[in-house]
Amino acid sequence: MKNGDWQTYRTRFLVKAKRLSSNLSFVDHLGRQHSGRKGDYLVESSDGMISITPRQIFEDIYVPIALAENALDHDKSVRLGTAIGDGRKLPQPYCVRPGSTPRMGVI
């Protein structure tokens, strides 16, 4: 495990995490024992606490922030109706033109 491998993830809170490349056990400054296997995540919370989260739980809860930002950019472009992919605009919602009367449909 290299020191520069931290990546930022998000859930409700931002955390930094890195995957363990080997088994790891340690006692935190509060005297709690932490242990994890290769593939689990070493997690640093925003308050500086370090813990270990099992891989399956971590990957189910957290999303890498770079992926989350790309998804937000995509959602924003969809909401704004801007060109995506092949350059075509998305269909726009129906709106009434100024000065015209809205037509009522039959249900």
C-alpha atoms as a PDB file:
ATOM      1  CA  MET A   1       0.000   0.000   0.000  1.00  0.00           C
ATOM      2  CA  LYS A   2       1.468   3.321  -1.074  1.00  0.00           C
ATOM      3  CA  ASN A   3       0.995   6.542   0.894  1.00  0.00           C
ATOM      4  CA  GLY A   4      -0.133   8.529  -2.175  1.00  0.00           C
ATOM      5  CA  ASP A   5      -2.997   6.205  -3.102  1.00  0.00           C
ATOM      6  CA  TRP A   6      -5.805   8.040  -1.262  1.00  0.00           C
ATOM      7  CA  GLN A   7      -8.909   8.672  -3.359  1.00  0.00           C
ATOM      8  CA  THR A   8     -11.895  10.789  -2.301  1.00  0.00           C
ATOM      9  CA  TYR A   9     -15.303   9.118  -2.055  1.00  0.00           C
ATOM     10  CA  ARG A  10     -18.688  10.373  -1.042  1.00  0.00           C
ATOM     11  CA  THR A  11     -21.856   9.190   0.586  1.00  0.00           C
ATOM     12  CA  ARG A  12     -23.600  11.636   2.910  1.00  0.00           C
ATOM     13  CA  PHE A  13     -20.122  12.590   4.087  1.00  0.00           C
ATOM     14  CA  LEU A  14     -16.817  12.906   2.253  1.00  0.00           C
ATOM     15  CA  VAL A  15     -14.153  10.386   3.187  1.00  0.00           C
ATOM     16  CA  LYS A  16     -10.741   9.472   1.867  1.00  0.00           C
ATOM     17  CA  ALA A  17     -10.063   5.808   1.331  1.00  0.00           C
ATOM     18  CA  LYS A  18      -7.649   3.358  -0.186  1.00  0.00           C
ATOM     19  CA  ARG A  19      -7.815  -0.355  -0.761  1.00  0.00           C
ATOM     20  CA  LEU A  20      -5.582  -2.527   1.352  1.00  0.00           C
ATOM     21  CA  SER A  21      -2.970  -4.417  -0.629  1.00  0.00           C
ATOM     22  CA  SER A  22      -2.355  -6.743   2.338  1.00  0.00           C
ATOM     23  CA  ASN A  23      -3.926  -7.636   5.669  1.00  0.00           C
ATOM     24  CA  LEU A  24      -3.745  -4.851   8.257  1.00  0.00           C
ATOM     25  CA  SER A  25      -4.463  -4.591  11.980  1.00  0.00           C
ATOM     26  CA  PHE A  26      -4.006  -1.572  14.229  1.00  0.00           C
ATOM     27  CA  VAL A  27      -5.260   0.004  17.430  1.00  0.00           C
ATOM     28  CA  ASP A  28      -6.611   3.553  17.059  1.00  0.00           C
ATOM     29  CA  HIS A  29      -5.924   6.385  19.516  1.00  0.00           C
ATOM     30  CA  LEU A  30      -9.119   5.474  21.415  1.00  0.00           C
ATOM     31  CA  GLY A  31      -7.806   1.941  21.999  1.00  0.00           C
ATOM     32  CA  ARG A  32     -10.133   0.234  19.503  1.00  0.00           C
ATOM     33  CA  GLN A  33      -8.779  -2.691  17.480  1.00  0.00           C
ATOM     34  CA  HIS A  34      -9.231  -2.482  13.693  1.00  0.00           C
ATOM     35  CA  SER A  35      -8.387  -5.244  11.256  1.00  0.00           C
ATOM     36  CA  GLY A  36      -8.972  -5.856   7.585  1.00  0.00           C
ATOM     37  CA  ARG A  37      -8.026  -8.161   4.762  1.00  0.00           C
ATOM     38  CA  LYS A  38      -6.482  -7.473   1.386  1.00  0.00           C
ATOM     39  CA  GLY A  39      -9.154  -5.690  -0.706  1.00  0.00           C
ATOM     40  CA  ASP A  40     -10.886  -4.007   2.254  1.00  0.00           C
ATOM     41  CA  TYR A  41     -10.712  -0.221   2.556  1.00  0.00           C
ATOM     42  CA  LEU A  42      -8.758   1.950   4.962  1.00  0.00           C
ATOM     43  CA  VAL A  43     -11.081   4.937   5.498  1.00  0.00           C
ATOM     44  CA  GLU A  44     -10.255   8.388   6.874  1.00  0.00           C
ATOM     45  CA  SER A  45     -13.351  10.377   7.862  1.00  0.00           C
ATOM     46  CA  SER A  46     -13.611  14.156   7.777  1.00  0.00           C
ATOM     47  CA  ASP A  47     -12.829  14.336  11.510  1.00  0.00           C
ATOM     48  CA  GLY A  48      -9.538  12.466  10.975  1.00  0.00           C
ATOM     49  CA  MET A  49     -10.653   9.088  12.383  1.00  0.00           C
ATOM     50  CA  ILE A  50      -9.190   6.095  10.548  1.00  0.00           C
ATOM     51  CA  SER A  51     -11.006   2.782  10.333  1.00  0.00           C
ATOM     52  CA  ILE A  52     -11.290  -0.262   8.100  1.00  0.00           C
ATOM     53  CA  THR A  53     -14.451  -1.083   6.149  1.00  0.00           C
ATOM     54  CA  PRO A  54     -14.980  -4.464   4.435  1.00  0.00           C
ATOM     55  CA  ARG A  55     -14.815  -4.224   0.628  1.00  0.00           C
ATOM     56  CA  GLN A  56     -18.376  -5.366  -0.031  1.00  0.00           C
ATOM     57  CA  ILE A  57     -19.894  -2.858   2.401  1.00  0.00           C
ATOM     58  CA  PHE A  58     -17.646   0.004   1.272  1.00  0.00           C
ATOM     59  CA  GLU A  59     -18.349  -0.503  -2.444  1.00  0.00           C
ATOM     60  CA  ASP A  60     -22.079  -0.759  -1.763  1.00  0.00           C
ATOM     61  CA  ILE A  61     -22.188   2.557   0.129  1.00  0.00           C
ATOM     62  CA  TYR A  62     -19.500   4.839  -1.325  1.00  0.00           C
ATOM     63  CA  VAL A  63     -19.136   6.281  -4.822  1.00  0.00           C
ATOM     64  CA  PRO A  64     -15.798   7.703  -6.028  1.00  0.00           C
ATOM     65  CA  ILE A  65     -16.236  11.457  -6.233  1.00  0.00           C
ATOM     66  CA  ALA A  66     -14.972  11.656  -9.842  1.00  0.00           C
ATOM     67  CA  LEU A  67     -17.746   9.266 -10.922  1.00  0.00           C
ATOM     68  CA  ALA A  68     -20.305  11.156  -8.876  1.00  0.00           C
ATOM     69  CA  GLU A  69     -19.312  14.482 -10.464  1.00  0.00           C
ATOM     70  CA  ASN A  70     -19.595  12.968 -13.962  1.00  0.00           C
ATOM     71  CA  ALA A  71     -23.081  11.686 -13.105  1.00  0.00           C
ATOM     72  CA  LEU A  72     -24.072  15.120 -11.769  1.00  0.00           C
ATOM     73  CA  ASP A  73     -22.760  16.785 -14.953  1.00  0.00           C
ATOM     74  CA  HIS A  74     -24.788  14.331 -17.045  1.00  0.00           C
ATOM     75  CA  ASP A  75     -27.941  14.928 -14.949  1.00  0.00           C
ATOM     76  CA  LYS A  76     -27.467  18.685 -15.245  1.00  0.00           C
ATOM     77  CA  SER A  77     -27.133  18.520 -19.038  1.00  0.00           C
ATOM     78  CA  VAL A  78     -30.254  16.343 -19.231  1.00  0.00           C
ATOM     79  CA  ARG A  79     -32.245  18.830 -17.098  1.00  0.00           C
ATOM     80  CA  LEU A  80     -31.042  21.777 -19.184  1.00  0.00           C
ATOM     81  CA  GLY A  81     -31.747  20.008 -22.477  1.00  0.00           C
ATOM     82  CA  THR A  82     -28.248  20.630 -23.764  1.00  0.00           C
ATOM     83  CA  ALA A  83     -26.563  18.577 -26.432  1.00  0.00           C
ATOM     84  CA  ILE A  84     -25.065  15.304 -25.302  1.00  0.00           C
ATOM     85  CA  GLY A  85     -23.239  12.532 -27.081  1.00  0.00           C
ATOM     86  CA  ASP A  86     -23.964  12.937 -30.788  1.00  0.00           C
ATOM     87  CA  GLY A  87     -24.766  16.652 -30.518  1.00  0.00           C
ATOM     88  CA  ARG A  88     -28.581  16.390 -30.750  1.00  0.00           C
ATOM     89  CA  LYS A  89     -30.657  18.310 -28.249  1.00  0.00           C
ATOM     90  CA  LEU A  90     -32.959  16.427 -25.940  1.00  0.00           C
ATOM     91  CA  PRO A  91     -36.735  16.814 -26.387  1.00  0.00           C
ATOM     92  CA  GLN A  92     -37.970  19.911 -24.611  1.00  0.00           C
ATOM     93  CA  PRO A  93     -40.953  19.998 -22.275  1.00  0.00           C
ATOM     94  CA  TYR A  94     -44.238  21.342 -23.659  1.00  0.00           C
ATOM     95  CA  CYS A  95     -44.815  25.011 -22.923  1.00  0.00           C
ATOM     96  CA  VAL A  96     -47.460  27.525 -23.938  1.00  0.00           C
ATOM     97  CA  ARG A  97     -46.268  30.357 -26.157  1.00  0.00           C
ATOM     98  CA  PRO A  98     -46.946  33.881 -24.952  1.00  0.00           C
ATOM     99  CA  GLY A  99     -50.248  35.204 -26.358  1.00  0.00           C
ATOM    100  CA  SER A 100     -51.636  31.747 -27.217  1.00  0.00           C
ATOM    101  CA  THR A 101     -54.370  29.882 -25.373  1.00  0.00           C
ATOM    102  CA  PRO A 102     -53.547  26.467 -23.968  1.00  0.00           C
ATOM    103  CA  ARG A 103     -55.597  23.663 -25.507  1.00  0.00           C
ATOM    104  CA  MET A 104     -57.285  21.252 -23.186  1.00  0.00           C
ATOM    105  CA  GLY A 105     -56.970  17.619 -24.137  1.00  0.00           C
ATOM    106  CA  VAL A 106     -59.693  15.028 -23.771  1.00  0.00           C
ATOM    107  CA  ILE A 107     -58.934  12.323 -21.239  1.00  0.00           C
END
